[in-house]
Amino acid sequence: MRRRTKAREIALQFLYQLDLRGESVLGDLGEFLGESTKDPEVQEFSLRLVTGTKDLRPELDVTLAKVARNWDLRRMATIDRNVLRMAIFELLYCEDIPPKVSINEAIELGKKYSTVNSGAFINGILDRVKTEFLKPKQKAQG
């Protein structure tokens, strides 16, 4: 498994816990990363995804609500909601990652950890984010 794919899986697992249990789990982040992988690059990218997604969650949720028409965020599957938050963070704030990569990785996470329909759902939402929120230069990257 590629390093960034592994890092995204680890970040998703932690974001899922954070969504369900609240900020009480934040003190466990370092330990969680250390138990999940010994690879410092994987730990570093996981940390970047978790902290960025957590810190910008209100903004990410506003963006998600705008593109997820007719969907209440609380009614989305918890995994889907967190995959989408993390992918939107990547799309809007990680210019070193091509949008196509972020979208494809999110689709695969949804397929692996959520429902049979999650891949298509995630793809549709992230395509709207790409179309409506990315700068032309970023769109051209993927």
N, C-alpha and C. Protein backbone atom coordinates (compact mmCIF):
# COMPACT_ATOMS: atom_id res chain seq x y z
N MET A 1 0.85 -1.18 0.00
CA MET A 1 0.00 0.00 0.00
C MET A 1 0.90 1.25 0.00
N ARG A 2 0.52 2.22 -0.81
CA ARG A 2 1.29 3.45 -0.90
C ARG A 2 1.20 4.23 0.42
N ARG A 3 2.23 5.00 0.69
CA ARG A 3 2.31 5.72 1.96
C ARG A 3 1.15 6.67 2.18
N ARG A 4 0.84 7.47 1.18
CA ARG A 4 -0.24 8.45 1.36
C ARG A 4 -1.60 7.77 1.48
N THR A 5 -1.78 6.66 0.79
CA THR A 5 -3.03 5.90 0.93
C THR A 5 -3.16 5.41 2.37
N LYS A 6 -2.08 4.86 2.90
CA LYS A 6 -2.06 4.39 4.29
C LYS A 6 -2.32 5.55 5.25
N ALA A 7 -1.70 6.69 4.99
CA ALA A 7 -1.89 7.86 5.84
C ALA A 7 -3.34 8.32 5.84
N ARG A 8 -3.98 8.28 4.68
CA ARG A 8 -5.39 8.67 4.59
C ARG A 8 -6.27 7.71 5.38
N GLU A 9 -5.97 6.43 5.32
CA GLU A 9 -6.75 5.45 6.08
C GLU A 9 -6.62 5.70 7.58
N ILE A 10 -5.41 5.96 8.02
CA ILE A 10 -5.17 6.22 9.44
C ILE A 10 -5.89 7.50 9.86
N ALA A 11 -5.77 8.54 9.05
CA ALA A 11 -6.44 9.81 9.36
C ALA A 11 -7.95 9.62 9.42
N LEU A 12 -8.50 8.87 8.48
CA LEU A 12 -9.95 8.62 8.47
C LEU A 12 -10.39 7.91 9.75
N GLN A 13 -9.62 6.92 10.18
CA GLN A 13 -9.96 6.20 11.40
C GLN A 13 -10.01 7.15 12.60
N PHE A 14 -9.04 8.05 12.66
CA PHE A 14 -9.02 8.98 13.79
C PHE A 14 -10.15 10.00 13.68
N LEU A 15 -10.40 10.52 12.48
CA LEU A 15 -11.48 11.49 12.29
C LEU A 15 -12.84 10.87 12.61
N TYR A 16 -12.99 9.60 12.31
CA TYR A 16 -14.22 8.88 12.64
C TYR A 16 -14.41 8.86 14.16
N GLN A 17 -13.34 8.50 14.88
CA GLN A 17 -13.41 8.50 16.35
C GLN A 17 -13.72 9.89 16.89
N LEU A 18 -13.07 10.89 16.31
CA LEU A 18 -13.29 12.27 16.73
C LEU A 18 -14.74 12.69 16.53
N ASP A 19 -15.32 12.29 15.41
CA ASP A 19 -16.71 12.62 15.11
C ASP A 19 -17.67 11.95 16.10
N LEU A 20 -17.37 10.73 16.47
CA LEU A 20 -18.26 9.98 17.37
C LEU A 20 -18.05 10.32 18.84
N ARG A 21 -16.79 10.48 19.24
CA ARG A 21 -16.48 10.63 20.67
C ARG A 21 -16.17 12.06 21.08
N GLY A 22 -15.97 12.95 20.13
CA GLY A 22 -15.68 14.34 20.45
C GLY A 22 -14.20 14.58 20.71
N GLU A 23 -13.91 15.78 21.13
CA GLU A 23 -12.53 16.23 21.27
C GLU A 23 -11.76 15.53 22.37
N SER A 24 -12.41 14.71 23.17
CA SER A 24 -11.72 13.99 24.23
C SER A 24 -10.65 13.04 23.66
N VAL A 25 -10.78 12.65 22.40
CA VAL A 25 -9.81 11.73 21.80
C VAL A 25 -8.55 12.44 21.31
N LEU A 26 -8.56 13.78 21.26
CA LEU A 26 -7.42 14.50 20.70
C LEU A 26 -6.12 14.22 21.43
N GLY A 27 -6.17 14.00 22.73
CA GLY A 27 -4.98 13.69 23.49
C GLY A 27 -4.35 12.37 23.10
N ASP A 28 -5.12 11.52 22.43
CA ASP A 28 -4.64 10.20 22.03
C ASP A 28 -4.04 10.18 20.62
N LEU A 29 -4.00 11.32 19.94
CA LEU A 29 -3.58 11.34 18.53
C LEU A 29 -2.16 10.83 18.34
N GLY A 30 -1.21 11.32 19.13
CA GLY A 30 0.18 10.88 18.99
C GLY A 30 0.32 9.38 19.20
N GLU A 31 -0.32 8.88 20.23
CA GLU A 31 -0.28 7.45 20.52
C GLU A 31 -0.95 6.65 19.39
N PHE A 32 -2.08 7.15 18.91
CA PHE A 32 -2.80 6.48 17.83
C PHE A 32 -1.93 6.38 16.58
N LEU A 33 -1.27 7.48 16.22
CA LEU A 33 -0.40 7.46 15.04
C LEU A 33 0.77 6.50 15.24
N GLY A 34 1.35 6.52 16.44
CA GLY A 34 2.48 5.64 16.73
C GLY A 34 2.11 4.17 16.68
N GLU A 35 0.89 3.84 17.10
CA GLU A 35 0.43 2.45 17.06
C GLU A 35 0.01 2.03 15.65
N SER A 36 -0.39 3.01 14.84
CA SER A 36 -0.89 2.70 13.50
C SER A 36 0.22 2.47 12.49
N THR A 37 1.34 3.15 12.67
CA THR A 37 2.46 3.01 11.74
C THR A 37 3.74 3.49 12.40
N LYS A 38 4.83 2.92 11.97
CA LYS A 38 6.15 3.37 12.44
C LYS A 38 6.81 4.27 11.40
N ASP A 39 6.22 4.39 10.23
CA ASP A 39 6.77 5.19 9.14
C ASP A 39 6.54 6.68 9.42
N PRO A 40 7.63 7.45 9.60
CA PRO A 40 7.46 8.87 9.94
C PRO A 40 6.75 9.68 8.85
N GLU A 41 6.94 9.33 7.59
CA GLU A 41 6.25 10.05 6.51
C GLU A 41 4.74 9.81 6.56
N VAL A 42 4.34 8.59 6.86
CA VAL A 42 2.92 8.27 6.98
C VAL A 42 2.33 9.01 8.19
N GLN A 43 3.06 8.99 9.30
CA GLN A 43 2.59 9.71 10.50
C GLN A 43 2.43 11.20 10.21
N GLU A 44 3.41 11.78 9.53
CA GLU A 44 3.39 13.21 9.25
C GLU A 44 2.20 13.60 8.36
N PHE A 45 1.96 12.82 7.30
CA PHE A 45 0.84 13.14 6.41
C PHE A 45 -0.49 12.89 7.11
N SER A 46 -0.58 11.84 7.91
CA SER A 46 -1.80 11.58 8.68
C SER A 46 -2.09 12.75 9.62
N LEU A 47 -1.06 13.21 10.30
CA LEU A 47 -1.20 14.34 11.23
C LEU A 47 -1.67 15.59 10.48
N ARG A 48 -1.09 15.84 9.32
CA ARG A 48 -1.49 17.00 8.50
C ARG A 48 -2.98 16.91 8.15
N LEU A 49 -3.43 15.73 7.76
CA LEU A 49 -4.84 15.55 7.39
C LEU A 49 -5.77 15.70 8.59
N VAL A 50 -5.40 15.08 9.70
CA VAL A 50 -6.25 15.14 10.89
C VAL A 50 -6.33 16.57 11.42
N THR A 51 -5.19 17.22 11.61
CA THR A 51 -5.22 18.56 12.19
C THR A 51 -5.88 19.56 11.24
N GLY A 52 -5.58 19.47 9.96
CA GLY A 52 -6.21 20.38 9.00
C GLY A 52 -7.71 20.20 8.94
N THR A 53 -8.14 18.96 8.88
CA THR A 53 -9.58 18.67 8.81
C THR A 53 -10.28 19.08 10.10
N LYS A 54 -9.66 18.81 11.23
CA LYS A 54 -10.25 19.19 12.53
C LYS A 54 -10.31 20.71 12.67
N ASP A 55 -9.20 21.37 12.39
CA ASP A 55 -9.14 22.82 12.60
C ASP A 55 -10.07 23.59 11.66
N LEU A 56 -10.26 23.08 10.46
CA LEU A 56 -11.09 23.77 9.46
C LEU A 56 -12.48 23.16 9.31
N ARG A 57 -12.83 22.29 10.23
CA ARG A 57 -14.10 21.57 10.12
C ARG A 57 -15.32 22.48 9.90
N PRO A 58 -15.46 23.59 10.62
CA PRO A 58 -16.63 24.44 10.35
C PRO A 58 -16.68 24.94 8.90
N GLU A 59 -15.53 25.36 8.37
CA GLU A 59 -15.48 25.82 6.97
C GLU A 59 -15.74 24.66 6.01
N LEU A 60 -15.16 23.51 6.30
CA LEU A 60 -15.34 22.35 5.44
C LEU A 60 -16.81 21.93 5.42
N ASP A 61 -17.45 22.00 6.58
CA ASP A 61 -18.87 21.63 6.65
C ASP A 61 -19.76 22.61 5.89
N VAL A 62 -19.40 23.89 5.89
CA VAL A 62 -20.15 24.88 5.10
C VAL A 62 -20.03 24.55 3.62
N THR A 63 -18.81 24.26 3.18
CA THR A 63 -18.59 23.89 1.78
C THR A 63 -19.36 22.63 1.44
N LEU A 64 -19.27 21.63 2.31
CA LEU A 64 -19.96 20.36 2.08
C LEU A 64 -21.47 20.58 2.00
N ALA A 65 -22.01 21.38 2.89
CA ALA A 65 -23.45 21.64 2.88
C ALA A 65 -23.89 22.34 1.59
N LYS A 66 -23.03 23.21 1.06
CA LYS A 66 -23.37 23.92 -0.18
C LYS A 66 -23.46 22.97 -1.37
N VAL A 67 -22.58 21.98 -1.42
CA VAL A 67 -22.56 21.09 -2.59
C VAL A 67 -23.41 19.83 -2.40
N ALA A 68 -23.68 19.48 -1.16
CA ALA A 68 -24.50 18.29 -0.88
C ALA A 68 -25.96 18.72 -0.78
N ARG A 69 -26.46 19.15 -1.89
CA ARG A 69 -27.83 19.67 -1.93
C ARG A 69 -28.82 18.61 -1.45
N ASN A 70 -29.77 19.06 -0.65
CA ASN A 70 -30.82 18.19 -0.10
C ASN A 70 -30.29 17.13 0.86
N TRP A 71 -29.09 17.33 1.39
CA TRP A 71 -28.53 16.40 2.37
C TRP A 71 -28.23 17.15 3.66
N ASP A 72 -28.70 16.64 4.76
CA ASP A 72 -28.34 17.14 6.07
C ASP A 72 -27.06 16.39 6.46
N LEU A 73 -26.02 17.12 6.82
CA LEU A 73 -24.74 16.48 7.13
C LEU A 73 -24.87 15.43 8.23
N ARG A 74 -25.75 15.66 9.19
CA ARG A 74 -25.91 14.70 10.29
C ARG A 74 -26.53 13.39 9.82
N ARG A 75 -27.20 13.42 8.67
CA ARG A 75 -27.83 12.20 8.16
C ARG A 75 -26.91 11.40 7.25
N MET A 76 -25.79 11.98 6.86
CA MET A 76 -24.82 11.24 6.05
C MET A 76 -24.18 10.16 6.91
N ALA A 77 -23.78 9.08 6.27
CA ALA A 77 -23.01 8.06 6.99
C ALA A 77 -21.76 8.72 7.57
N THR A 78 -21.42 8.38 8.80
CA THR A 78 -20.29 9.01 9.48
C THR A 78 -19.00 8.86 8.68
N ILE A 79 -18.78 7.69 8.11
CA ILE A 79 -17.58 7.48 7.30
C ILE A 79 -17.60 8.40 6.09
N ASP A 80 -18.72 8.44 5.37
CA ASP A 80 -18.81 9.30 4.18
C ASP A 80 -18.54 10.75 4.54
N ARG A 81 -19.14 11.21 5.61
CA ARG A 81 -18.98 12.60 6.04
C ARG A 81 -17.51 12.92 6.31
N ASN A 82 -16.81 12.00 6.94
CA ASN A 82 -15.40 12.24 7.25
C ASN A 82 -14.49 12.07 6.05
N VAL A 83 -14.80 11.15 5.17
CA VAL A 83 -14.05 11.04 3.91
C VAL A 83 -14.20 12.35 3.14
N LEU A 84 -15.41 12.86 3.08
CA LEU A 84 -15.66 14.10 2.34
C LEU A 84 -14.96 15.29 2.98
N ARG A 85 -15.02 15.41 4.29
CA ARG A 85 -14.33 16.51 4.96
C ARG A 85 -12.83 16.48 4.65
N MET A 86 -12.24 15.30 4.79
CA MET A 86 -10.81 15.16 4.56
C MET A 86 -10.46 15.47 3.11
N ALA A 87 -11.26 14.98 2.17
CA ALA A 87 -10.99 15.22 0.75
C ALA A 87 -11.18 16.70 0.40
N ILE A 88 -12.18 17.33 0.97
CA ILE A 88 -12.39 18.76 0.72
C ILE A 88 -11.21 19.55 1.28
N PHE A 89 -10.71 19.15 2.45
CA PHE A 89 -9.50 19.79 2.99
C PHE A 89 -8.36 19.67 1.99
N GLU A 90 -8.15 18.47 1.46
CA GLU A 90 -7.08 18.28 0.47
C GLU A 90 -7.30 19.15 -0.76
N LEU A 91 -8.52 19.15 -1.28
CA LEU A 91 -8.81 19.90 -2.50
C LEU A 91 -8.59 21.40 -2.31
N LEU A 92 -9.01 21.93 -1.19
CA LEU A 92 -8.97 23.38 -1.00
C LEU A 92 -7.69 23.90 -0.37
N TYR A 93 -6.98 23.06 0.38
CA TYR A 93 -5.85 23.56 1.15
C TYR A 93 -4.52 22.85 0.89
N CYS A 94 -4.50 21.80 0.12
CA CYS A 94 -3.26 21.06 -0.15
C CYS A 94 -2.93 21.17 -1.64
N GLU A 95 -2.36 22.30 -2.02
CA GLU A 95 -2.10 22.54 -3.44
C GLU A 95 -1.03 21.61 -4.01
N ASP A 96 -0.29 20.93 -3.14
CA ASP A 96 0.73 19.99 -3.61
C ASP A 96 0.14 18.65 -4.05
N ILE A 97 -1.17 18.47 -3.85
CA ILE A 97 -1.83 17.22 -4.22
C ILE A 97 -2.79 17.50 -5.37
N PRO A 98 -2.60 16.83 -6.51
CA PRO A 98 -3.53 17.05 -7.63
C PRO A 98 -4.96 16.67 -7.25
N PRO A 99 -5.94 17.48 -7.63
CA PRO A 99 -7.34 17.19 -7.29
C PRO A 99 -7.78 15.79 -7.67
N LYS A 100 -7.34 15.33 -8.82
CA LYS A 100 -7.73 13.99 -9.28
C LYS A 100 -7.31 12.92 -8.28
N VAL A 101 -6.12 13.08 -7.72
CA VAL A 101 -5.61 12.12 -6.73
C VAL A 101 -6.47 12.15 -5.47
N SER A 102 -6.75 13.35 -4.97
CA SER A 102 -7.58 13.47 -3.76
C SER A 102 -8.95 12.84 -3.96
N ILE A 103 -9.55 13.10 -5.12
CA ILE A 103 -10.89 12.57 -5.40
C ILE A 103 -10.85 11.05 -5.52
N ASN A 104 -9.90 10.52 -6.27
CA ASN A 104 -9.81 9.07 -6.43
C ASN A 104 -9.54 8.35 -5.11
N GLU A 105 -8.66 8.92 -4.30
CA GLU A 105 -8.37 8.31 -3.00
C GLU A 105 -9.62 8.31 -2.11
N ALA A 106 -10.37 9.41 -2.14
CA ALA A 106 -11.60 9.49 -1.33
C ALA A 106 -12.63 8.46 -1.79
N ILE A 107 -12.77 8.31 -3.09
CA ILE A 107 -13.71 7.32 -3.63
C ILE A 107 -13.33 5.92 -3.14
N GLU A 108 -12.05 5.60 -3.20
CA GLU A 108 -11.59 4.28 -2.77
C GLU A 108 -11.81 4.08 -1.26
N LEU A 109 -11.57 5.11 -0.46
CA LEU A 109 -11.84 5.00 0.98
C LEU A 109 -13.32 4.72 1.23
N GLY A 110 -14.17 5.43 0.51
CA GLY A 110 -15.61 5.21 0.66
C GLY A 110 -16.02 3.80 0.30
N LYS A 111 -15.48 3.31 -0.81
CA LYS A 111 -15.80 1.94 -1.25
C LYS A 111 -15.32 0.91 -0.22
N LYS A 112 -14.15 1.16 0.35
CA LYS A 112 -13.55 0.19 1.27
C LYS A 112 -14.22 0.20 2.65
N TYR A 113 -14.55 1.39 3.16
CA TYR A 113 -14.99 1.49 4.55
C TYR A 113 -16.46 1.81 4.74
N SER A 114 -17.18 2.14 3.68
CA SER A 114 -18.58 2.53 3.86
C SER A 114 -19.50 1.64 3.03
N THR A 115 -20.53 2.21 2.49
CA THR A 115 -21.55 1.41 1.81
C THR A 115 -21.23 1.20 0.34
N VAL A 116 -21.99 0.35 -0.28
CA VAL A 116 -21.84 0.03 -1.70
C VAL A 116 -22.02 1.27 -2.59
N ASN A 117 -22.85 2.21 -2.16
CA ASN A 117 -23.13 3.40 -2.95
C ASN A 117 -22.21 4.58 -2.62
N SER A 118 -21.33 4.41 -1.67
CA SER A 118 -20.50 5.53 -1.22
C SER A 118 -19.56 6.07 -2.28
N GLY A 119 -18.99 5.22 -3.07
CA GLY A 119 -18.05 5.68 -4.10
C GLY A 119 -18.69 6.68 -5.05
N ALA A 120 -19.88 6.35 -5.55
CA ALA A 120 -20.58 7.25 -6.47
C ALA A 120 -21.02 8.53 -5.76
N PHE A 121 -21.49 8.40 -4.53
CA PHE A 121 -21.92 9.56 -3.75
C PHE A 121 -20.75 10.52 -3.53
N ILE A 122 -19.63 9.98 -3.08
CA ILE A 122 -18.43 10.78 -2.81
C ILE A 122 -17.93 11.43 -4.10
N ASN A 123 -17.92 10.68 -5.18
CA ASN A 123 -17.49 11.22 -6.46
C ASN A 123 -18.35 12.42 -6.87
N GLY A 124 -19.65 12.28 -6.75
CA GLY A 124 -20.56 13.36 -7.14
C GLY A 124 -20.35 14.62 -6.32
N ILE A 125 -20.20 14.45 -5.01
CA ILE A 125 -20.00 15.60 -4.13
C ILE A 125 -18.67 16.28 -4.43
N LEU A 126 -17.60 15.50 -4.55
CA LEU A 126 -16.28 16.09 -4.77
C LEU A 126 -16.15 16.70 -6.15
N ASP A 127 -16.85 16.16 -7.12
CA ASP A 127 -16.86 16.78 -8.45
C ASP A 127 -17.48 18.17 -8.37
N ARG A 128 -18.53 18.32 -7.57
CA ARG A 128 -19.14 19.65 -7.39
C ARG A 128 -18.17 20.60 -6.68
N VAL A 129 -17.45 20.09 -5.68
CA VAL A 129 -16.46 20.94 -4.99
C VAL A 129 -15.41 21.40 -5.99
N LYS A 130 -14.92 20.48 -6.79
CA LYS A 130 -13.90 20.82 -7.79
C LYS A 130 -14.43 21.88 -8.75
N THR A 131 -15.64 21.70 -9.24
CA THR A 131 -16.23 22.62 -10.22
C THR A 131 -16.52 23.99 -9.61
N GLU A 132 -17.04 24.00 -8.40
CA GLU A 132 -17.54 25.25 -7.81
C GLU A 132 -16.52 26.01 -6.96
N PHE A 133 -15.49 25.33 -6.46
CA PHE A 133 -14.61 25.99 -5.49
C PHE A 133 -13.14 26.06 -5.87
N LEU A 134 -12.68 25.25 -6.82
CA LEU A 134 -11.26 25.28 -7.15
C LEU A 134 -10.96 26.38 -8.15
N LYS A 135 -9.76 26.92 -8.03
CA LYS A 135 -9.28 27.92 -8.97
C LYS A 135 -9.00 27.22 -10.30
N PRO A 136 -9.06 27.96 -11.41
CA PRO A 136 -8.82 27.34 -12.73
C PRO A 136 -7.49 26.57 -12.81
N LYS A 137 -6.44 27.09 -12.19
CA LYS A 137 -5.14 26.41 -12.22
C LYS A 137 -5.23 25.04 -11.54
N GLN A 138 -5.91 24.98 -10.41
CA GLN A 138 -6.06 23.72 -9.69
C GLN A 138 -6.91 22.73 -10.49
N LYS A 139 -7.98 23.22 -11.11
CA LYS A 139 -8.85 22.35 -11.91
C LYS A 139 -8.06 21.70 -13.04
N ALA A 140 -7.13 22.44 -13.62
CA ALA A 140 -6.34 21.92 -14.74
C ALA A 140 -5.43 20.78 -14.32
N GLN A 141 -5.09 20.70 -13.04
CA GLN A 141 -4.22 19.63 -12.54
C GLN A 141 -4.94 18.30 -12.45
N GLY A 142 -6.20 18.28 -12.59
CA GLY A 142 -6.88 16.99 -12.50
C GLY A 142 -8.30 17.18 -12.23
